């Protein structure tokens, strides 16, 4: 049974077609880059869907060339950390038009992958997705919380929040 787990299976034509669909038609961008300098070694065609840039335009560039300057150091620290072999990182990525979108990247380094596979330990494999809608919703919640906090803090009557069993959760003071 153990021998069967370590066997490698050739890709069928159907598998290749499925991979083509994943890399061309989904919003997530698949990429591989070198850890030492961030140079792209593979970018899926879905980069067009995410940042309106073709894979050919990304080759000969580093991953870090497209990250917002305020986010580069944090992203580099995650990718270059020798104790972190996989994870998620949130940052802003530049689109072809020059604006930035919030993205989240799941990454795994080559050293974490199976040793019998032909992957370089100095590479990083990434799946990057647009999370701008989550960031916008998060910001809307912060604005709403601040608005109601200000209202409660400056209200001249006592405001309280009770649970259905009558326990006081919040009681604003009057001044």
C-alpha atoms as a PDB file:
ATOM      1  CA  UNK A   1       0.000   0.000   0.000  1.00  0.00           C
ATOM      2  CA  UNK A   2       2.869   2.413   0.807  1.00  0.00           C
ATOM      3  CA  UNK A   3       4.372   1.906  -2.633  1.00  0.00           C
ATOM      4  CA  UNK A   4       1.151   3.068  -4.224  1.00  0.00           C
ATOM      5  CA  UNK A   5       1.191   6.357  -2.255  1.00  0.00           C
ATOM      6  CA  UNK A   6       4.669   7.269  -3.536  1.00  0.00           C
ATOM      7  CA  UNK A   7       3.903   6.438  -7.155  1.00  0.00           C
ATOM      8  CA  UNK A   8       3.717   9.311  -9.572  1.00  0.00           C
ATOM      9  CA  UNK A   9       0.943   9.227 -12.122  1.00  0.00           C
ATOM     10  CA  UNK A  10       1.214  10.727 -15.587  1.00  0.00           C
ATOM     11  CA  UNK A  11      -1.271  13.448 -16.445  1.00  0.00           C
ATOM     12  CA  UNK A  12      -4.011  12.384 -18.811  1.00  0.00           C
ATOM     13  CA  UNK A  13      -5.272  14.618 -21.598  1.00  0.00           C
ATOM     14  CA  UNK A  14      -8.349  15.310 -19.463  1.00  0.00           C
ATOM     15  CA  UNK A  15      -6.103  16.434 -16.586  1.00  0.00           C
ATOM     16  CA  UNK A  16      -4.274  18.799 -18.926  1.00  0.00           C
ATOM     17  CA  UNK A  17      -7.590  20.229 -20.115  1.00  0.00           C
ATOM     18  CA  UNK A  18      -8.732  20.717 -16.520  1.00  0.00           C
ATOM     19  CA  UNK A  19      -5.472  22.457 -15.655  1.00  0.00           C
ATOM     20  CA  UNK A  20      -5.986  24.722 -18.689  1.00  0.00           C
ATOM     21  CA  UNK A  21      -9.408  25.691 -17.322  1.00  0.00           C
ATOM     22  CA  UNK A  22      -8.020  26.379 -13.831  1.00  0.00           C
ATOM     23  CA  UNK A  23      -5.202  28.545 -15.124  1.00  0.00           C
ATOM     24  CA  UNK A  24      -7.142  30.447 -17.781  1.00  0.00           C
ATOM     25  CA  UNK A  25     -10.665  31.015 -16.573  1.00  0.00           C
ATOM     26  CA  UNK A  26     -10.610  31.355 -12.802  1.00  0.00           C
ATOM     27  CA  UNK A  27     -10.009  34.684 -11.098  1.00  0.00           C
ATOM     28  CA  UNK A  28      -7.125  33.373  -8.989  1.00  0.00           C
ATOM     29  CA  UNK A  29      -3.642  33.877 -10.397  1.00  0.00           C
ATOM     30  CA  UNK A  30      -1.244  30.966 -10.057  1.00  0.00           C
ATOM     31  CA  UNK A  31       2.417  31.886  -9.986  1.00  0.00           C
ATOM     32  CA  UNK A  32       5.857  30.606  -9.140  1.00  0.00           C
ATOM     33  CA  UNK A  33       8.805  32.822  -8.358  1.00  0.00           C
ATOM     34  CA  UNK A  34      12.318  32.571  -7.007  1.00  0.00           C
ATOM     35  CA  UNK A  35      12.617  33.359  -3.319  1.00  0.00           C
ATOM     36  CA  UNK A  36      16.007  35.085  -3.522  1.00  0.00           C
ATOM     37  CA  UNK A  37      14.896  37.902  -5.835  1.00  0.00           C
ATOM     38  CA  UNK A  38      11.178  37.368  -6.485  1.00  0.00           C
ATOM     39  CA  UNK A  39      11.667  36.831 -10.240  1.00  0.00           C
ATOM     40  CA  UNK A  40       8.594  35.222 -11.814  1.00  0.00           C
ATOM     41  CA  UNK A  41       9.273  31.796 -13.321  1.00  0.00           C
ATOM     42  CA  UNK A  42       5.619  30.989 -14.080  1.00  0.00           C
ATOM     43  CA  UNK A  43       2.420  33.052 -14.211  1.00  0.00           C
ATOM     44  CA  UNK A  44      -0.970  31.668 -15.201  1.00  0.00           C
ATOM     45  CA  UNK A  45      -2.995  33.382 -17.937  1.00  0.00           C
ATOM     46  CA  UNK A  46      -5.544  34.317 -15.261  1.00  0.00           C
ATOM     47  CA  UNK A  47      -3.198  37.199 -14.328  1.00  0.00           C
ATOM     48  CA  UNK A  48      -5.175  39.106 -16.950  1.00  0.00           C
ATOM     49  CA  UNK A  49      -8.356  38.545 -14.907  1.00  0.00           C
ATOM     50  CA  UNK A  50      -6.732  39.718 -11.683  1.00  0.00           C
ATOM     51  CA  UNK A  51      -4.440  42.623 -12.601  1.00  0.00           C
ATOM     52  CA  UNK A  52      -5.003  43.060 -16.347  1.00  0.00           C
ATOM     53  CA  UNK A  53      -1.422  42.029 -17.135  1.00  0.00           C
ATOM     54  CA  UNK A  54      -0.462  39.105 -19.369  1.00  0.00           C
ATOM     55  CA  UNK A  55       2.020  36.501 -18.140  1.00  0.00           C
ATOM     56  CA  UNK A  56       4.483  37.623 -20.832  1.00  0.00           C
ATOM     57  CA  UNK A  57       4.448  41.138 -19.353  1.00  0.00           C
ATOM     58  CA  UNK A  58       5.277  39.741 -15.906  1.00  0.00           C
ATOM     59  CA  UNK A  59       8.248  37.603 -16.916  1.00  0.00           C
ATOM     60  CA  UNK A  60      11.588  39.338 -16.341  1.00  0.00           C
ATOM     61  CA  UNK A  61       9.962  41.241 -13.476  1.00  0.00           C
ATOM     62  CA  UNK A  62      10.023  40.430  -9.815  1.00  0.00           C
ATOM     63  CA  UNK A  63       6.981  39.645  -7.757  1.00  0.00           C
ATOM     64  CA  UNK A  64       7.912  42.614  -5.575  1.00  0.00           C
ATOM     65  CA  UNK A  65       7.779  45.079  -8.525  1.00  0.00           C
ATOM     66  CA  UNK A  66       3.978  44.873  -8.379  1.00  0.00           C
ATOM     67  CA  UNK A  67       3.480  45.099  -4.621  1.00  0.00           C
ATOM     68  CA  UNK A  68       2.591  48.416  -2.994  1.00  0.00           C
ATOM     69  CA  UNK A  69       5.778  50.027  -1.582  1.00  0.00           C
ATOM     70  CA  UNK A  70       4.311  50.065   1.949  1.00  0.00           C
ATOM     71  CA  UNK A  71       3.666  46.304   1.782  1.00  0.00           C
ATOM     72  CA  UNK A  72       6.876  45.025   0.156  1.00  0.00           C
ATOM     73  CA  UNK A  73       8.898  44.610   3.351  1.00  0.00           C
ATOM     74  CA  UNK A  74       6.165  42.635   5.139  1.00  0.00           C
ATOM     75  CA  UNK A  75       5.648  40.322   2.171  1.00  0.00           C
ATOM     76  CA  UNK A  76       9.404  39.774   1.764  1.00  0.00           C
ATOM     77  CA  UNK A  77       9.724  38.950   5.459  1.00  0.00           C
ATOM     78  CA  UNK A  78       7.049  36.251   5.107  1.00  0.00           C
ATOM     79  CA  UNK A  79       8.559  34.703   1.975  1.00  0.00           C
ATOM     80  CA  UNK A  80      12.161  34.856   3.184  1.00  0.00           C
ATOM     81  CA  UNK A  81      11.463  33.595   6.707  1.00  0.00           C
ATOM     82  CA  UNK A  82      13.314  30.244   6.844  1.00  0.00           C
ATOM     83  CA  UNK A  83      10.899  28.908   9.488  1.00  0.00           C
ATOM     84  CA  UNK A  84       7.730  29.653   7.513  1.00  0.00           C
ATOM     85  CA  UNK A  85       7.256  27.124   4.726  1.00  0.00           C
ATOM     86  CA  UNK A  86       3.682  27.999   3.786  1.00  0.00           C
ATOM     87  CA  UNK A  87       0.977  30.467   4.725  1.00  0.00           C
ATOM     88  CA  UNK A  88      -1.197  33.395   3.674  1.00  0.00           C
ATOM     89  CA  UNK A  89      -0.248  37.004   3.209  1.00  0.00           C
ATOM     90  CA  UNK A  90      -2.447  40.068   2.623  1.00  0.00           C
ATOM     91  CA  UNK A  91      -1.133  43.035   0.610  1.00  0.00           C
ATOM     92  CA  UNK A  92      -1.868  45.455  -2.226  1.00  0.00           C
ATOM     93  CA  UNK A  93      -0.986  44.481  -5.796  1.00  0.00           C
ATOM     94  CA  UNK A  94      -0.626  46.941  -8.673  1.00  0.00           C
ATOM     95  CA  UNK A  95      -2.858  46.561 -11.694  1.00  0.00           C
ATOM     96  CA  UNK A  96      -1.775  47.508 -15.211  1.00  0.00           C
ATOM     97  CA  UNK A  97      -3.698  50.782 -14.889  1.00  0.00           C
ATOM     98  CA  UNK A  98      -1.515  51.763 -11.913  1.00  0.00           C
ATOM     99  CA  UNK A  99      -4.113  51.409  -9.167  1.00  0.00           C
ATOM    100  CA  UNK A 100      -3.760  48.867  -6.372  1.00  0.00           C
ATOM    101  CA  UNK A 101      -6.136  46.129  -5.283  1.00  0.00           C
ATOM    102  CA  UNK A 102      -6.109  44.189  -2.034  1.00  0.00           C
ATOM    103  CA  UNK A 103      -5.125  40.564  -2.583  1.00  0.00           C
ATOM    104  CA  UNK A 104      -4.458  37.512  -0.474  1.00  0.00           C
ATOM    105  CA  UNK A 105      -1.818  34.991  -1.484  1.00  0.00           C
ATOM    106  CA  UNK A 106      -1.605  31.412  -0.286  1.00  0.00           C
ATOM    107  CA  UNK A 107       1.983  30.281  -0.691  1.00  0.00           C
ATOM    108  CA  UNK A 108       4.091  27.190  -0.284  1.00  0.00           C
ATOM    109  CA  UNK A 109       7.843  27.061  -0.648  1.00  0.00           C
ATOM    110  CA  UNK A 110       9.586  24.414  -2.731  1.00  0.00           C
ATOM    111  CA  UNK A 111      11.290  22.953   0.343  1.00  0.00           C
ATOM    112  CA  UNK A 112       7.869  21.980   1.762  1.00  0.00           C
ATOM    113  CA  UNK A 113       6.883  19.993  -1.329  1.00  0.00           C
ATOM    114  CA  UNK A 114       7.528  16.296  -1.736  1.00  0.00           C
ATOM    115  CA  UNK A 115      11.222  15.575  -2.137  1.00  0.00           C
ATOM    116  CA  UNK A 116      10.625  13.218  -5.055  1.00  0.00           C
ATOM    117  CA  UNK A 117       9.085  16.005  -7.115  1.00  0.00           C
ATOM    118  CA  UNK A 118      11.181  18.193  -9.360  1.00  0.00           C
ATOM    119  CA  UNK A 119      10.885  21.491  -7.463  1.00  0.00           C
ATOM    120  CA  UNK A 120      13.625  23.878  -6.492  1.00  0.00           C
ATOM    121  CA  UNK A 121      13.832  24.643  -2.775  1.00  0.00           C
ATOM    122  CA  UNK A 122      14.421  28.278  -3.706  1.00  0.00           C
ATOM    123  CA  UNK A 123      11.019  28.646  -5.349  1.00  0.00           C
ATOM    124  CA  UNK A 124       7.670  29.747  -4.008  1.00  0.00           C
ATOM    125  CA  UNK A 125       4.309  28.650  -5.416  1.00  0.00           C
ATOM    126  CA  UNK A 126       1.417  31.070  -5.018  1.00  0.00           C
ATOM    127  CA  UNK A 127      -2.330  31.332  -5.503  1.00  0.00           C
ATOM    128  CA  UNK A 128      -3.384  34.987  -5.425  1.00  0.00           C
ATOM    129  CA  UNK A 129      -6.962  36.230  -5.222  1.00  0.00           C
ATOM    130  CA  UNK A 130      -8.716  39.601  -5.083  1.00  0.00           C
ATOM    131  CA  UNK A 131     -10.048  40.343  -1.590  1.00  0.00           C
ATOM    132  CA  UNK A 132     -10.959  44.007  -2.146  1.00  0.00           C
ATOM    133  CA  UNK A 133     -14.624  43.297  -1.408  1.00  0.00           C
ATOM    134  CA  UNK A 134     -13.647  41.944   2.026  1.00  0.00           C
ATOM    135  CA  UNK A 135     -11.460  44.968   2.748  1.00  0.00           C
ATOM    136  CA  UNK A 136     -14.276  47.340   1.707  1.00  0.00           C
ATOM    137  CA  UNK A 137     -16.755  45.519   3.956  1.00  0.00           C
ATOM    138  CA  UNK A 138     -14.233  45.603   6.823  1.00  0.00           C
ATOM    139  CA  UNK A 139     -13.784  49.357   6.375  1.00  0.00           C
ATOM    140  CA  UNK A 140     -17.569  49.875   6.255  1.00  0.00           C
ATOM    141  CA  UNK A 141     -17.923  48.026   9.575  1.00  0.00           C
ATOM    142  CA  UNK A 142     -15.191  50.187  11.159  1.00  0.00           C
ATOM    143  CA  UNK A 143     -16.893  53.381   9.964  1.00  0.00           C
ATOM    144  CA  UNK A 144     -20.266  52.169  11.240  1.00  0.00           C
ATOM    145  CA  UNK A 145     -18.809  51.195  14.632  1.00  0.00           C
ATOM    146  CA  UNK A 146     -17.112  54.577  14.965  1.00  0.00           C
ATOM    147  CA  UNK A 147     -20.293  56.424  14.021  1.00  0.00           C
ATOM    148  CA  UNK A 148     -22.402  54.598  16.627  1.00  0.00           C
ATOM    149  CA  UNK A 149     -19.677  54.815  19.268  1.00  0.00           C
ATOM    150  CA  UNK A 150     -19.572  58.595  18.776  1.00  0.00           C
ATOM    151  CA  UNK A 151     -23.366  58.769  18.939  1.00  0.00           C
ATOM    152  CA  UNK A 152     -23.540  56.770  22.180  1.00  0.00           C
ATOM    153  CA  UNK A 153     -20.650  58.635  23.807  1.00  0.00           C
ATOM    154  CA  UNK A 154     -22.212  62.053  23.133  1.00  0.00           C
ATOM    155  CA  UNK A 155     -25.829  61.147  23.820  1.00  0.00           C
ATOM    156  CA  UNK A 156     -27.313  62.840  26.906  1.00  0.00           C
ATOM    157  CA  UNK A 157     -29.547  59.961  27.904  1.00  0.00           C
ATOM    158  CA  UNK A 158     -28.456  56.615  29.271  1.00  0.00           C
ATOM    159  CA  UNK A 159     -28.148  53.947  26.595  1.00  0.00           C
ATOM    160  CA  UNK A 160     -27.881  50.296  27.441  1.00  0.00           C
ATOM    161  CA  UNK A 161     -27.808  46.928  25.763  1.00  0.00           C
ATOM    162  CA  UNK A 162     -29.450  43.971  27.485  1.00  0.00           C
ATOM    163  CA  UNK A 163     -29.442  40.302  26.613  1.00  0.00           C
ATOM    164  CA  UNK A 164     -32.759  38.463  26.281  1.00  0.00           C
ATOM    165  CA  UNK A 165     -32.253  37.180  29.843  1.00  0.00           C
ATOM    166  CA  UNK A 166     -31.851  40.727  31.191  1.00  0.00           C
ATOM    167  CA  UNK A 167     -28.064  40.840  31.631  1.00  0.00           C
ATOM    168  CA  UNK A 168     -26.474  44.204  30.928  1.00  0.00           C
ATOM    169  CA  UNK A 169     -23.957  44.013  28.099  1.00  0.00           C
ATOM    170  CA  UNK A 170     -23.341  47.742  27.746  1.00  0.00           C
ATOM    171  CA  UNK A 171     -24.404  50.769  29.756  1.00  0.00           C
ATOM    172  CA  UNK A 172     -23.430  54.225  28.581  1.00  0.00           C
ATOM    173  CA  UNK A 173     -23.020  56.905  31.185  1.00  0.00           C
ATOM    174  CA  UNK A 174     -24.647  60.320  31.087  1.00  0.00           C
ATOM    175  CA  UNK A 175     -22.645  63.436  31.681  1.00  0.00           C
END
